[in-house]
Amino acid sequence: MSGHGVPRGPAAPAAAPTRPAVLGRRAVLAGAAGLALGGSACGTAPPRNAMGSAPPSPAGLPRPAAWRPDPSDVRPDVKLRAVQLIEALGTWRDGAGGVAKARERVAALGLPPALAGQAGPLLSGADAAVVEVTDAQYGGILAGSASVLVVCRQWTRTGGGPVVAGGTTVDVRLAEGAPRWSVGELHPAAPGPAAATLPEEARRVLDEDRIRLPVAAEADIRGGGVHASVLRAMLRLAERYRIDVSVVRSGHPLNVFGTGRPSDHPPGRAFDVWRIDGRAVVGRSTPRALVEAFMRDAAAAGSYNVGGPLLPSGAGAGPQFFTDDTHHDHVHVGFGS
């Protein structure tokens, strides 16, 4: 069994993932002078410290490289299957927009065309669009099923208008099949309105350059539904590390994958980190000592449930630490209150 977070209280019945309401965040991408931003087909404008390649020029859409799994990934073929679907859904040339064309792109991958109807904010009426996947992590990986959380940015353009930037996170549900795994469901993050006021910790996280947030995670914090313990831990960890967050609330399964037990993510009591000091957690060349130190510091920051690709050894390696295939590619930091 694998998943994010240890539930509290009696087991809840299995339920479909929910997407807490929150909406986008911080400013425009660094260095995007002259690039007009507005509402996006894939969410809201990426933060100024967003992950990924350089922003597009006003003259046209960027040409990001296709995402590739790390050789150290658990079942890299499963992640790649999920990512290729998101790239196909959210990228189209002039005149190839709309659901009908999206169905054709999905069918070309050998996947059910009806998945285009679940793409949500990835599809729009724009003339052209391009997606860049910045991270793909497991929301769960079992013998015959998986959840892959695909974190992406998207740029769209209509006519001679400006390039519009956005992004989202999509929970892609897969099942084992032959010759390749198949996709059964898509659950895009669905951020809602920002809170009228935010606590000081939230404002500090949004302004902290050492905390890099994708669009959906930024929206979660701006929405005001992230617990103070999470915000304080982020700030404390940022004193020592540069951290790339993948998921906070939006885009994460409601339950610990494969169970009916609630995850700590949707209530805003957890966050995941996929890169530490510029080193991917899943990377073979990333020092294990760095990941272990981060996990220990996360526990010292108050987390009761720290999951990652290893178990810290020696003194202080208590029951709050766990490891499994799901957490081979990121560090989960959960809080009970």
C-alpha atoms as a PDB file:
ATOM      1  CA  MET A   1       0.000   0.000   0.000  1.00  0.00           C
ATOM      2  CA  SER A   2       1.254   3.479  -0.791  1.00  0.00           C
ATOM      3  CA  GLY A   3       0.027   6.994  -0.544  1.00  0.00           C
ATOM      4  CA  HIS A   4       0.397  10.402   1.007  1.00  0.00           C
ATOM      5  CA  GLY A   5      -0.244  10.960   4.658  1.00  0.00           C
ATOM      6  CA  VAL A   6      -1.516   8.945   7.586  1.00  0.00           C
ATOM      7  CA  PRO A   7      -5.244   9.429   8.170  1.00  0.00           C
ATOM      8  CA  ARG A   8      -6.759  10.241  11.506  1.00  0.00           C
ATOM      9  CA  GLY A   9      -9.949   8.807  12.906  1.00  0.00           C
ATOM     10  CA  PRO A  10     -12.070   6.036  11.403  1.00  0.00           C
ATOM     11  CA  ALA A  11     -11.552   4.980   7.823  1.00  0.00           C
ATOM     12  CA  ALA A  12     -13.651   6.878   5.328  1.00  0.00           C
ATOM     13  CA  PRO A  13     -15.269   5.220   2.331  1.00  0.00           C
ATOM     14  CA  ALA A  14     -13.417   5.508  -0.945  1.00  0.00           C
ATOM     15  CA  ALA A  15     -14.358   8.607  -2.865  1.00  0.00           C
ATOM     16  CA  ALA A  16     -13.473  10.315  -6.073  1.00  0.00           C
ATOM     17  CA  PRO A  17     -10.787  12.996  -5.788  1.00  0.00           C
ATOM     18  CA  THR A  18     -11.974  16.461  -4.953  1.00  0.00           C
ATOM     19  CA  ARG A  19     -10.354  19.673  -5.898  1.00  0.00           C
ATOM     20  CA  PRO A  20     -10.310  22.328  -3.168  1.00  0.00           C
ATOM     21  CA  ALA A  21     -11.221  25.784  -4.369  1.00  0.00           C
ATOM     22  CA  VAL A  22      -8.357  28.208  -4.758  1.00  0.00           C
ATOM     23  CA  LEU A  23      -6.987  30.510  -7.378  1.00  0.00           C
ATOM     24  CA  GLY A  24      -3.750  31.659  -8.752  1.00  0.00           C
ATOM     25  CA  ARG A  25      -1.073  33.773  -7.252  1.00  0.00           C
ATOM     26  CA  ARG A  26       1.978  35.731  -7.516  1.00  0.00           C
ATOM     27  CA  ALA A  27       3.055  37.695 -10.369  1.00  0.00           C
ATOM     28  CA  VAL A  28       4.446  37.292 -13.796  1.00  0.00           C
ATOM     29  CA  LEU A  29       7.363  35.084 -14.787  1.00  0.00           C
ATOM     30  CA  ALA A  30      10.742  36.643 -14.201  1.00  0.00           C
ATOM     31  CA  GLY A  31      12.199  38.148 -17.319  1.00  0.00           C
ATOM     32  CA  ALA A  32       8.905  38.256 -19.195  1.00  0.00           C
ATOM     33  CA  ALA A  33       9.043  41.974 -19.809  1.00  0.00           C
ATOM     34  CA  GLY A  34       6.525  43.016 -22.387  1.00  0.00           C
ATOM     35  CA  LEU A  35       4.567  39.747 -22.140  1.00  0.00           C
ATOM     36  CA  ALA A  36       0.921  40.458 -21.475  1.00  0.00           C
ATOM     37  CA  LEU A  37      -0.732  38.075 -19.069  1.00  0.00           C
ATOM     38  CA  GLY A  38      -4.357  37.476 -18.328  1.00  0.00           C
ATOM     39  CA  GLY A  39      -6.834  34.667 -17.719  1.00  0.00           C
ATOM     40  CA  SER A  40      -5.399  31.376 -18.822  1.00  0.00           C
ATOM     41  CA  ALA A  41      -6.604  28.224 -20.465  1.00  0.00           C
ATOM     42  CA  CYS A  42      -4.633  26.314 -17.849  1.00  0.00           C
ATOM     43  CA  GLY A  43      -5.165  28.363 -14.725  1.00  0.00           C
ATOM     44  CA  THR A  44      -3.539  31.622 -13.697  1.00  0.00           C
ATOM     45  CA  ALA A  45      -0.231  33.288 -14.396  1.00  0.00           C
ATOM     46  CA  PRO A  46       2.786  31.315 -13.169  1.00  0.00           C
ATOM     47  CA  PRO A  47       4.682  32.761 -10.208  1.00  0.00           C
ATOM     48  CA  ARG A  48       7.784  34.811 -10.720  1.00  0.00           C
ATOM     49  CA  ASN A  49       9.851  31.937  -9.364  1.00  0.00           C
ATOM     50  CA  ALA A  50       8.005  29.201 -11.284  1.00  0.00           C
ATOM     51  CA  MET A  51       9.827  26.055 -12.336  1.00  0.00           C
ATOM     52  CA  GLY A  52      10.801  25.291 -15.881  1.00  0.00           C
ATOM     53  CA  SER A  53      12.327  26.904 -18.930  1.00  0.00           C
ATOM     54  CA  ALA A  54      12.553  30.575 -19.840  1.00  0.00           C
ATOM     55  CA  PRO A  55       9.224  32.333 -20.485  1.00  0.00           C
ATOM     56  CA  PRO A  56       8.008  32.844 -24.040  1.00  0.00           C
ATOM     57  CA  SER A  57       8.593  36.035 -26.001  1.00  0.00           C
ATOM     58  CA  PRO A  58       5.626  38.210 -26.984  1.00  0.00           C
ATOM     59  CA  ALA A  59       6.193  37.200 -30.589  1.00  0.00           C
ATOM     60  CA  GLY A  60       5.016  33.628 -30.145  1.00  0.00           C
ATOM     61  CA  LEU A  61       4.669  30.538 -28.020  1.00  0.00           C
ATOM     62  CA  PRO A  62       7.684  28.860 -26.441  1.00  0.00           C
ATOM     63  CA  ARG A  63       9.022  25.532 -27.598  1.00  0.00           C
ATOM     64  CA  PRO A  64       9.688  23.589 -24.419  1.00  0.00           C
ATOM     65  CA  ALA A  65      11.419  20.247 -24.545  1.00  0.00           C
ATOM     66  CA  ALA A  66       9.258  17.170 -24.040  1.00  0.00           C
ATOM     67  CA  TRP A  67       9.372  15.886 -20.478  1.00  0.00           C
ATOM     68  CA  ARG A  68      11.317  12.691 -19.859  1.00  0.00           C
ATOM     69  CA  PRO A  69      11.324  10.473 -16.749  1.00  0.00           C
ATOM     70  CA  ASP A  70      14.454  10.043 -14.675  1.00  0.00           C
ATOM     71  CA  PRO A  71      16.184   6.671 -15.169  1.00  0.00           C
ATOM     72  CA  SER A  72      15.772   6.122 -11.427  1.00  0.00           C
ATOM     73  CA  ASP A  73      11.989   6.451 -11.567  1.00  0.00           C
ATOM     74  CA  VAL A  74       9.777   3.595 -10.433  1.00  0.00           C
ATOM     75  CA  ARG A  75       7.995   2.486 -13.615  1.00  0.00           C
ATOM     76  CA  PRO A  76       9.126   5.406 -15.801  1.00  0.00           C
ATOM     77  CA  ASP A  77       6.914   4.087 -18.599  1.00  0.00           C
ATOM     78  CA  VAL A  78       3.830   4.760 -16.477  1.00  0.00           C
ATOM     79  CA  LYS A  79       4.829   8.356 -15.815  1.00  0.00           C
ATOM     80  CA  LEU A  80       5.685   8.910 -19.459  1.00  0.00           C
ATOM     81  CA  ARG A  81       2.280   7.587 -20.527  1.00  0.00           C
ATOM     82  CA  ALA A  82       0.535  10.120 -18.277  1.00  0.00           C
ATOM     83  CA  VAL A  83       2.736  13.023 -19.336  1.00  0.00           C
ATOM     84  CA  GLN A  84       2.390  12.367 -23.065  1.00  0.00           C
ATOM     85  CA  LEU A  85      -1.370  12.535 -22.695  1.00  0.00           C
ATOM     86  CA  ILE A  86      -1.222  15.904 -20.922  1.00  0.00           C
ATOM     87  CA  GLU A  87       1.231  17.265 -23.487  1.00  0.00           C
ATOM     88  CA  ALA A  88      -1.059  16.131 -26.308  1.00  0.00           C
ATOM     89  CA  LEU A  89      -4.197  17.573 -24.725  1.00  0.00           C
ATOM     90  CA  GLY A  90      -2.687  20.959 -23.904  1.00  0.00           C
ATOM     91  CA  THR A  91      -0.672  21.584 -27.077  1.00  0.00           C
ATOM     92  CA  TRP A  92      -2.091  22.430 -30.495  1.00  0.00           C
ATOM     93  CA  ARG A  93      -1.189  24.477 -33.541  1.00  0.00           C
ATOM     94  CA  ASP A  94      -3.265  27.211 -35.145  1.00  0.00           C
ATOM     95  CA  GLY A  95      -6.649  25.878 -36.169  1.00  0.00           C
ATOM     96  CA  ALA A  96      -6.365  22.637 -34.178  1.00  0.00           C
ATOM     97  CA  GLY A  97      -8.103  23.741 -30.995  1.00  0.00           C
ATOM     98  CA  GLY A  98     -11.323  22.437 -29.521  1.00  0.00           C
ATOM     99  CA  VAL A  99     -12.516  19.144 -28.092  1.00  0.00           C
ATOM    100  CA  ALA A 100     -12.918  17.359 -31.447  1.00  0.00           C
ATOM    101  CA  LYS A 101      -9.272  17.889 -32.372  1.00  0.00           C
ATOM    102  CA  ALA A 102      -8.229  16.997 -28.841  1.00  0.00           C
ATOM    103  CA  ARG A 103     -10.052  13.688 -29.197  1.00  0.00           C
ATOM    104  CA  GLU A 104      -8.008  12.988 -32.323  1.00  0.00           C
ATOM    105  CA  ARG A 105      -4.754  13.701 -30.487  1.00  0.00           C
ATOM    106  CA  VAL A 106      -5.754  11.391 -27.654  1.00  0.00           C
ATOM    107  CA  ALA A 107      -6.759   8.632 -30.066  1.00  0.00           C
ATOM    108  CA  ALA A 108      -3.372   8.915 -31.788  1.00  0.00           C
ATOM    109  CA  LEU A 109      -1.811   7.854 -28.472  1.00  0.00           C
ATOM    110  CA  GLY A 110      -3.975   4.740 -28.389  1.00  0.00           C
ATOM    111  CA  LEU A 111      -6.041   6.110 -25.503  1.00  0.00           C
ATOM    112  CA  PRO A 112      -9.827   6.623 -25.192  1.00  0.00           C
ATOM    113  CA  PRO A 113     -10.806   9.805 -27.074  1.00  0.00           C
ATOM    114  CA  ALA A 114     -13.420  10.550 -24.403  1.00  0.00           C
ATOM    115  CA  LEU A 115     -10.578  11.614 -22.088  1.00  0.00           C
ATOM    116  CA  ALA A 116     -10.588  14.930 -23.947  1.00  0.00           C
ATOM    117  CA  GLY A 117     -13.849  15.704 -22.207  1.00  0.00           C
ATOM    118  CA  GLN A 118     -12.076  15.490 -18.840  1.00  0.00           C
ATOM    119  CA  ALA A 119      -9.234  17.865 -19.750  1.00  0.00           C
ATOM    120  CA  GLY A 120     -10.911  20.825 -18.062  1.00  0.00           C
ATOM    121  CA  PRO A 121      -8.688  23.948 -18.079  1.00  0.00           C
ATOM    122  CA  LEU A 122      -6.181  22.368 -20.469  1.00  0.00           C
ATOM    123  CA  LEU A 123      -8.577  23.043 -23.357  1.00  0.00           C
ATOM    124  CA  SER A 124      -9.796  26.471 -24.407  1.00  0.00           C
ATOM    125  CA  GLY A 125     -10.898  28.450 -27.416  1.00  0.00           C
ATOM    126  CA  ALA A 126      -7.380  29.738 -28.081  1.00  0.00           C
ATOM    127  CA  ASP A 127      -5.979  29.432 -31.597  1.00  0.00           C
ATOM    128  CA  ALA A 128      -2.771  27.775 -30.405  1.00  0.00           C
ATOM    129  CA  ALA A 129      -1.326  26.448 -27.152  1.00  0.00           C
ATOM    130  CA  VAL A 130       1.700  24.679 -25.748  1.00  0.00           C
ATOM    131  CA  VAL A 131       2.208  22.769 -22.507  1.00  0.00           C
ATOM    132  CA  GLU A 132       5.415  22.340 -20.579  1.00  0.00           C
ATOM    133  CA  VAL A 133       5.445  19.629 -17.900  1.00  0.00           C
ATOM    134  CA  THR A 134       7.700  20.679 -15.042  1.00  0.00           C
ATOM    135  CA  ASP A 135       7.239  17.618 -12.846  1.00  0.00           C
ATOM    136  CA  ALA A 136       5.399  14.308 -12.741  1.00  0.00           C
ATOM    137  CA  GLN A 137       5.207  12.549  -9.402  1.00  0.00           C
ATOM    138  CA  TYR A 138       3.285   9.620  -8.108  1.00  0.00           C
ATOM    139  CA  GLY A 139       0.102  10.168  -6.184  1.00  0.00           C
ATOM    140  CA  GLY A 140       0.237   6.379  -5.841  1.00  0.00           C
ATOM    141  CA  ILE A 141       1.726   3.367  -7.591  1.00  0.00           C
ATOM    142  CA  LEU A 142       0.438  -0.148  -7.026  1.00  0.00           C
ATOM    143  CA  ALA A 143       0.909  -3.391  -8.944  1.00  0.00           C
ATOM    144  CA  GLY A 144      -1.822  -2.680 -11.476  1.00  0.00           C
ATOM    145  CA  SER A 145      -2.878   0.936 -10.971  1.00  0.00           C
ATOM    146  CA  ALA A 146      -1.340   4.350 -10.497  1.00  0.00           C
ATOM    147  CA  SER A 147      -1.992   8.028  -9.962  1.00  0.00           C
ATOM    148  CA  VAL A 148       0.479  10.387 -11.633  1.00  0.00           C
ATOM    149  CA  LEU A 149       0.298  14.046 -10.657  1.00  0.00           C
ATOM    150  CA  VAL A 150       1.370  16.011 -13.726  1.00  0.00           C
ATOM    151  CA  VAL A 151       2.415  19.581 -12.939  1.00  0.00           C
ATOM    152  CA  CYS A 152       2.371  21.783 -16.028  1.00  0.00           C
ATOM    153  CA  ARG A 153       2.557  25.270 -17.405  1.00  0.00           C
ATOM    154  CA  GLN A 154       0.645  26.327 -20.501  1.00  0.00           C
ATOM    155  CA  TRP A 155       0.836  29.248 -22.900  1.00  0.00           C
ATOM    156  CA  THR A 156      -1.966  30.176 -25.307  1.00  0.00           C
ATOM    157  CA  ARG A 157      -2.409  32.688 -28.095  1.00  0.00           C
ATOM    158  CA  THR A 158      -5.476  33.887 -29.997  1.00  0.00           C
ATOM    159  CA  GLY A 159      -5.139  35.839 -33.219  1.00  0.00           C
ATOM    160  CA  GLY A 160      -2.644  38.653 -32.937  1.00  0.00           C
ATOM    161  CA  GLY A 161      -3.256  38.989 -29.224  1.00  0.00           C
ATOM    162  CA  PRO A 162      -0.763  38.515 -26.416  1.00  0.00           C
ATOM    163  CA  VAL A 163       0.620  35.223 -25.229  1.00  0.00           C
ATOM    164  CA  VAL A 164      -1.284  34.203 -22.108  1.00  0.00           C
ATOM    165  CA  ALA A 165       0.459  32.128 -19.446  1.00  0.00           C
ATOM    166  CA  GLY A 166      -1.028  29.687 -16.974  1.00  0.00           C
ATOM    167  CA  GLY A 167      -0.691  26.243 -15.509  1.00  0.00           C
ATOM    168  CA  THR A 168      -2.382  23.452 -13.609  1.00  0.00           C
ATOM    169  CA  THR A 169      -1.840  20.054 -12.001  1.00  0.00           C
ATOM    170  CA  VAL A 170      -3.678  16.984 -13.292  1.00  0.00           C
ATOM    171  CA  ASP A 171      -4.192  13.753 -11.372  1.00  0.00           C
ATOM    172  CA  VAL A 172      -3.947  11.129 -14.125  1.00  0.00           C
ATOM    173  CA  ARG A 173      -5.354   7.709 -13.182  1.00  0.00           C
ATOM    174  CA  LEU A 174      -3.862   4.707 -14.989  1.00  0.00           C
ATOM    175  CA  ALA A 175      -4.365   0.962 -15.053  1.00  0.00           C
ATOM    176  CA  GLU A 176      -2.066  -1.786 -16.232  1.00  0.00           C
ATOM    177  CA  GLY A 177      -2.677  -2.945 -19.777  1.00  0.00           C
ATOM    178  CA  ALA A 178      -1.005  -4.492 -22.789  1.00  0.00           C
ATOM    179  CA  PRO A 179       1.119  -3.419 -24.500  1.00  0.00           C
ATOM    180  CA  ARG A 180       1.021  -0.206 -22.429  1.00  0.00           C
ATOM    181  CA  TRP A 181      -0.800   1.112 -19.406  1.00  0.00           C
ATOM    182  CA  SER A 182      -4.087   2.860 -20.140  1.00  0.00           C
ATOM    183  CA  VAL A 183      -5.580   6.035 -18.721  1.00  0.00           C
ATOM    184  CA  GLY A 184      -9.040   5.837 -17.218  1.00  0.00           C
ATOM    185  CA  GLU A 185      -9.625   9.246 -15.646  1.00  0.00           C
ATOM    186  CA  LEU A 186      -8.285  12.783 -15.461  1.00  0.00           C
ATOM    187  CA  HIS A 187      -8.805  15.028 -12.446  1.00  0.00           C
ATOM    188  CA  PRO A 188      -7.472  18.530 -13.132  1.00  0.00           C
ATOM    189  CA  ALA A 189      -6.990  20.936 -10.263  1.00  0.00           C
ATOM    190  CA  ALA A 190      -9.841  23.410 -10.064  1.00  0.00           C
ATOM    191  CA  PRO A 191      -8.683  26.502  -8.165  1.00  0.00           C
ATOM    192  CA  GLY A 192     -11.319  28.963  -6.995  1.00  0.00           C
ATOM    193  CA  PRO A 193     -11.144  32.572  -5.822  1.00  0.00           C
ATOM    194  CA  ALA A 194      -8.338  33.948  -3.707  1.00  0.00           C
ATOM    195  CA  ALA A 195      -9.052  34.850  -0.105  1.00  0.00           C
ATOM    196  CA  ALA A 196      -9.753  38.500   0.675  1.00  0.00           C
ATOM    197  CA  THR A 197      -7.047  38.470   3.337  1.00  0.00           C
ATOM    198  CA  LEU A 198      -4.171  36.122   4.108  1.00  0.00           C
ATOM    199  CA  PRO A 199      -2.290  35.353   7.312  1.00  0.00           C
ATOM    200  CA  GLU A 200       1.251  36.655   7.603  1.00  0.00           C
ATOM    201  CA  GLU A 201       2.759  33.186   7.079  1.00  0.00           C
ATOM    202  CA  ALA A 202       0.959  32.800   3.758  1.00  0.00           C
ATOM    203  CA  ARG A 203       2.164  36.192   2.535  1.00  0.00           C
ATOM    204  CA  ARG A 204       5.718  35.325   3.537  1.00  0.00           C
ATOM    205  CA  VAL A 205       5.603  32.013   1.660  1.00  0.00           C
ATOM    206  CA  LEU A 206       4.286  33.743  -1.461  1.00  0.00           C
ATOM    207  CA  ASP A 207       7.124  36.267  -1.261  1.00  0.00           C
ATOM    208  CA  GLU A 208       9.902  33.773  -0.477  1.00  0.00           C
ATOM    209  CA  ASP A 209      12.142  33.194  -3.495  1.00  0.00           C
ATOM    210  CA  ARG A 210      13.617  30.045  -1.930  1.00  0.00           C
ATOM    211  CA  ILE A 211      10.181  28.408  -2.088  1.00  0.00           C
ATOM    212  CA  ARG A 212       9.248  27.647  -5.691  1.00  0.00           C
ATOM    213  CA  LEU A 213       5.572  26.964  -6.249  1.00  0.00           C
ATOM    214  CA  PRO A 214       3.746  25.769  -9.360  1.00  0.00           C
ATOM    215  CA  VAL A 215       0.493  27.481 -10.228  1.00  0.00           C
ATOM    216  CA  ALA A 216      -1.939  25.148  -8.454  1.00  0.00           C
ATOM    217  CA  ALA A 217       0.120  25.112  -5.246  1.00  0.00           C
ATOM    218  CA  GLU A 218       0.407  28.889  -5.313  1.00  0.00           C
ATOM    219  CA  ALA A 219      -3.345  29.092  -5.751  1.00  0.00           C
ATOM    220  CA  ASP A 220      -3.855  26.857  -2.742  1.00  0.00           C
ATOM    221  CA  ILE A 221      -1.890  29.232  -0.552  1.00  0.00           C
ATOM    222  CA  ARG A 222      -3.530  32.340  -1.953  1.00  0.00           C
ATOM    223  CA  GLY A 223      -6.901  30.724  -1.308  1.00  0.00           C
ATOM    224  CA  GLY A 224      -6.218  30.763   2.419  1.00  0.00           C
ATOM    225  CA  GLY A 225      -6.957  27.079   3.009  1.00  0.00           C
ATOM    226  CA  VAL A 226      -3.442  25.899   3.844  1.00  0.00           C
ATOM    227  CA  HIS A 227      -2.825  25.185   7.514  1.00  0.00           C
ATOM    228  CA  ALA A 228      -0.442  27.464   9.416  1.00  0.00           C
ATOM    229  CA  SER A 229       1.725  24.471  10.376  1.00  0.00           C
ATOM    230  CA  VAL A 230       2.426  23.814   6.692  1.00  0.00           C
ATOM    231  CA  LEU A 231       3.292  27.443   5.998  1.00  0.00           C
ATOM    232  CA  ARG A 232       5.596  27.687   9.006  1.00  0.00           C
ATOM    233  CA  ALA A 233       7.380  24.481   8.012  1.00  0.00           C
ATOM    234  CA  MET A 234       7.938  25.745   4.463  1.00  0.00           C
ATOM    235  CA  LEU A 235       9.445  28.942   5.811  1.00  0.00           C
ATOM    236  CA  ARG A 236      11.657  27.113   8.284  1.00  0.00           C
ATOM    237  CA  LEU A 237      12.937  24.699   5.636  1.00  0.00           C
ATOM    238  CA  ALA A 238      13.577  27.603   3.260  1.00  0.00           C
ATOM    239  CA  GLU A 239      16.069  29.004   5.762  1.00  0.00           C
ATOM    240  CA  ARG A 240      18.349  26.090   4.899  1.00  0.00           C
ATOM    241  CA  TYR A 241      17.193  24.808   1.502  1.00  0.00           C
ATOM    242  CA  ARG A 242      15.840  25.970  -1.830  1.00  0.00           C
ATOM    243  CA  ILE A 243      12.716  23.866  -2.233  1.00  0.00           C
ATOM    244  CA  ASP A 244      10.597  23.109  -5.285  1.00  0.00           C
ATOM    245  CA  VAL A 245       7.074  22.226  -4.196  1.00  0.00           C
ATOM    246  CA  SER A 246       5.015  19.981  -6.440  1.00  0.00           C
ATOM    247  CA  VAL A 247       1.650  19.637  -4.686  1.00  0.00           C
ATOM    248  CA  VAL A 248      -0.126  21.203  -1.721  1.00  0.00           C
ATOM    249  CA  ARG A 249      -3.898  20.743  -2.043  1.00  0.00           C
ATOM    250  CA  SER A 250      -5.129  21.053  -5.626  1.00  0.00           C
ATOM    251  CA  GLY A 251      -4.581  18.168  -7.983  1.00  0.00           C
ATOM    252  CA  HIS A 252      -3.959  15.579  -5.264  1.00  0.00           C
ATOM    253  CA  PRO A 253      -6.193  12.546  -4.658  1.00  0.00           C
ATOM    254  CA  LEU A 254      -8.712  12.923  -1.871  1.00  0.00           C
ATOM    255  CA  ASN A 255      -7.723   9.591  -0.336  1.00  0.00           C
ATOM    256  CA  VAL A 256      -4.445   7.810   0.196  1.00  0.00           C
ATOM    257  CA  PHE A 257      -4.198   6.033  -3.148  1.00  0.00           C
ATOM    258  CA  GLY A 258      -5.698   2.546  -3.187  1.00  0.00           C
ATOM    259  CA  THR A 259      -7.509   3.053   0.132  1.00  0.00           C
ATOM    260  CA  GLY A 260     -10.572   4.783   1.531  1.00  0.00           C
ATOM    261  CA  ARG A 261      -8.478   6.723   4.045  1.00  0.00           C
ATOM    262  CA  PRO A 262      -8.282  10.504   3.676  1.00  0.00           C
ATOM    263  CA  SER A 263      -5.019  12.128   2.675  1.00  0.00           C
ATOM    264  CA  ASP A 264      -3.646  15.135   4.538  1.00  0.00           C
ATOM    265  CA  HIS A 265      -3.274  17.091   1.289  1.00  0.00           C
ATOM    266  CA  PRO A 266      -6.860  18.199   0.438  1.00  0.00           C
ATOM    267  CA  PRO A 267      -7.437  19.689   3.930  1.00  0.00           C
ATOM    268  CA  GLY A 268      -4.270  21.760   3.479  1.00  0.00           C
ATOM    269  CA  ARG A 269      -2.163  19.869   6.018  1.00  0.00           C
ATOM    270  CA  ALA A 270       0.624  18.580   3.750  1.00  0.00           C
ATOM    271  CA  PHE A 271       2.975  19.502   0.941  1.00  0.00           C
ATOM    272  CA  ASP A 272       5.318  17.582  -1.351  1.00  0.00           C
ATOM    273  CA  VAL A 273       8.809  18.606  -2.447  1.00  0.00           C
ATOM    274  CA  TRP A 274      10.281  17.191  -5.647  1.00  0.00           C
ATOM    275  CA  ARG A 275      13.547  19.133  -5.786  1.00  0.00           C
ATOM    276  CA  ILE A 276      15.930  20.244  -3.014  1.00  0.00           C
ATOM    277  CA  ASP A 277      18.658  22.803  -3.709  1.00  0.00           C
ATOM    278  CA  GLY A 278      18.135  22.220  -7.410  1.00  0.00           C
ATOM    279  CA  ARG A 279      18.564  18.437  -7.093  1.00  0.00           C
ATOM    280  CA  ALA A 280      15.643  16.176  -7.987  1.00  0.00           C
ATOM    281  CA  VAL A 281      14.726  13.827  -5.146  1.00  0.00           C
ATOM    282  CA  VAL A 282      14.446  10.972  -7.641  1.00  0.00           C
ATOM    283  CA  GLY A 283      17.793  11.743  -9.279  1.00  0.00           C
ATOM    284  CA  ARG A 284      20.454   9.059  -9.043  1.00  0.00           C
ATOM    285  CA  SER A 285      23.159  11.704  -8.598  1.00  0.00           C
ATOM    286  CA  THR A 286      21.314  13.513  -5.795  1.00  0.00           C
ATOM    287  CA  PRO A 287      23.193  12.884  -2.533  1.00  0.00           C
ATOM    288  CA  ARG A 288      21.182  10.658  -0.246  1.00  0.00           C
ATOM    289  CA  ALA A 289      22.609  12.656   2.651  1.00  0.00           C
ATOM    290  CA  LEU A 290      20.842  15.759   1.311  1.00  0.00           C
ATOM    291  CA  VAL A 291      17.480  14.010   1.140  1.00  0.00           C
ATOM    292  CA  GLU A 292      17.927  12.449   4.584  1.00  0.00           C
ATOM    293  CA  ALA A 293      18.889  15.797   6.111  1.00  0.00           C
ATOM    294  CA  PHE A 294      15.828  17.411   4.547  1.00  0.00           C
ATOM    295  CA  MET A 295      13.548  14.691   5.885  1.00  0.00           C
ATOM    296  CA  ARG A 296      14.994  15.092   9.373  1.00  0.00           C
ATOM    297  CA  ASP A 297      14.596  18.854   9.220  1.00  0.00           C
ATOM    298  CA  ALA A 298      10.991  18.444   8.057  1.00  0.00           C
ATOM    299  CA  ALA A 299      10.312  16.337  11.138  1.00  0.00           C
ATOM    300  CA  ALA A 300      12.054  18.923  13.304  1.00  0.00           C
ATOM    301  CA  ALA A 301       9.755  21.538  11.772  1.00  0.00           C
ATOM    302  CA  GLY A 302       6.795  19.671  13.275  1.00  0.00           C
ATOM    303  CA  SER A 303       5.784  17.096  10.667  1.00  0.00           C
ATOM    304  CA  TYR A 304       4.333  13.910  12.117  1.00  0.00           C
ATOM    305  CA  ASN A 305       4.512  12.085   8.781  1.00  0.00           C
ATOM    306  CA  VAL A 306       7.575  12.423   6.552  1.00  0.00           C
ATOM    307  CA  GLY A 307       7.804  10.131   3.533  1.00  0.00           C
ATOM    308  CA  GLY A 308      10.597   9.847   1.023  1.00  0.00           C
ATOM    309  CA  PRO A 309      12.863   7.524  -0.969  1.00  0.00           C
ATOM    310  CA  LEU A 310      14.724   6.361   2.146  1.00  0.00           C
ATOM    311  CA  LEU A 311      14.423   5.909   5.879  1.00  0.00           C
ATOM    312  CA  PRO A 312      16.751   8.074   7.958  1.00  0.00           C
ATOM    313  CA  SER A 313      19.145   5.955   9.954  1.00  0.00           C
ATOM    314  CA  GLY A 314      20.593   6.221  13.399  1.00  0.00           C
ATOM    315  CA  ALA A 315      19.409   8.305  16.324  1.00  0.00           C
ATOM    316  CA  GLY A 316      16.135  10.100  15.846  1.00  0.00           C
ATOM    317  CA  ALA A 317      14.878   7.821  13.075  1.00  0.00           C
ATOM    318  CA  GLY A 318      11.429   7.546  14.602  1.00  0.00           C
ATOM    319  CA  PRO A 319       8.030   6.308  13.457  1.00  0.00           C
ATOM    320  CA  GLN A 320       7.205   9.575  11.718  1.00  0.00           C
ATOM    321  CA  PHE A 321       9.372   8.497   8.770  1.00  0.00           C
ATOM    322  CA  PHE A 322       8.248   6.109   6.032  1.00  0.00           C
ATOM    323  CA  THR A 323       9.248   5.087   2.534  1.00  0.00           C
ATOM    324  CA  ASP A 324       7.600   3.272  -0.359  1.00  0.00           C
ATOM    325  CA  ASP A 325       7.523   3.301  -4.155  1.00  0.00           C
ATOM    326  CA  THR A 326       5.107   6.240  -4.253  1.00  0.00           C
ATOM    327  CA  HIS A 327       7.573   8.428  -2.375  1.00  0.00           C
ATOM    328  CA  HIS A 328      10.613   7.417  -4.387  1.00  0.00           C
ATOM    329  CA  ASP A 329      10.328  10.691  -6.314  1.00  0.00           C
ATOM    330  CA  HIS A 330       9.476  13.268  -3.651  1.00  0.00           C
ATOM    331  CA  VAL A 331       9.378  14.063   0.044  1.00  0.00           C
ATOM    332  CA  HIS A 332       5.963  14.231   1.660  1.00  0.00           C
ATOM    333  CA  VAL A 333       5.614  16.503   4.691  1.00  0.00           C
ATOM    334  CA  GLY A 334       2.339  16.052   6.596  1.00  0.00           C
ATOM    335  CA  PHE A 335       0.809  17.638   9.676  1.00  0.00           C
ATOM    336  CA  GLY A 336      -1.922  16.449  11.987  1.00  0.00           C
ATOM    337  CA  SER A 337      -3.028  19.871  13.120  1.00  0.00           C
END
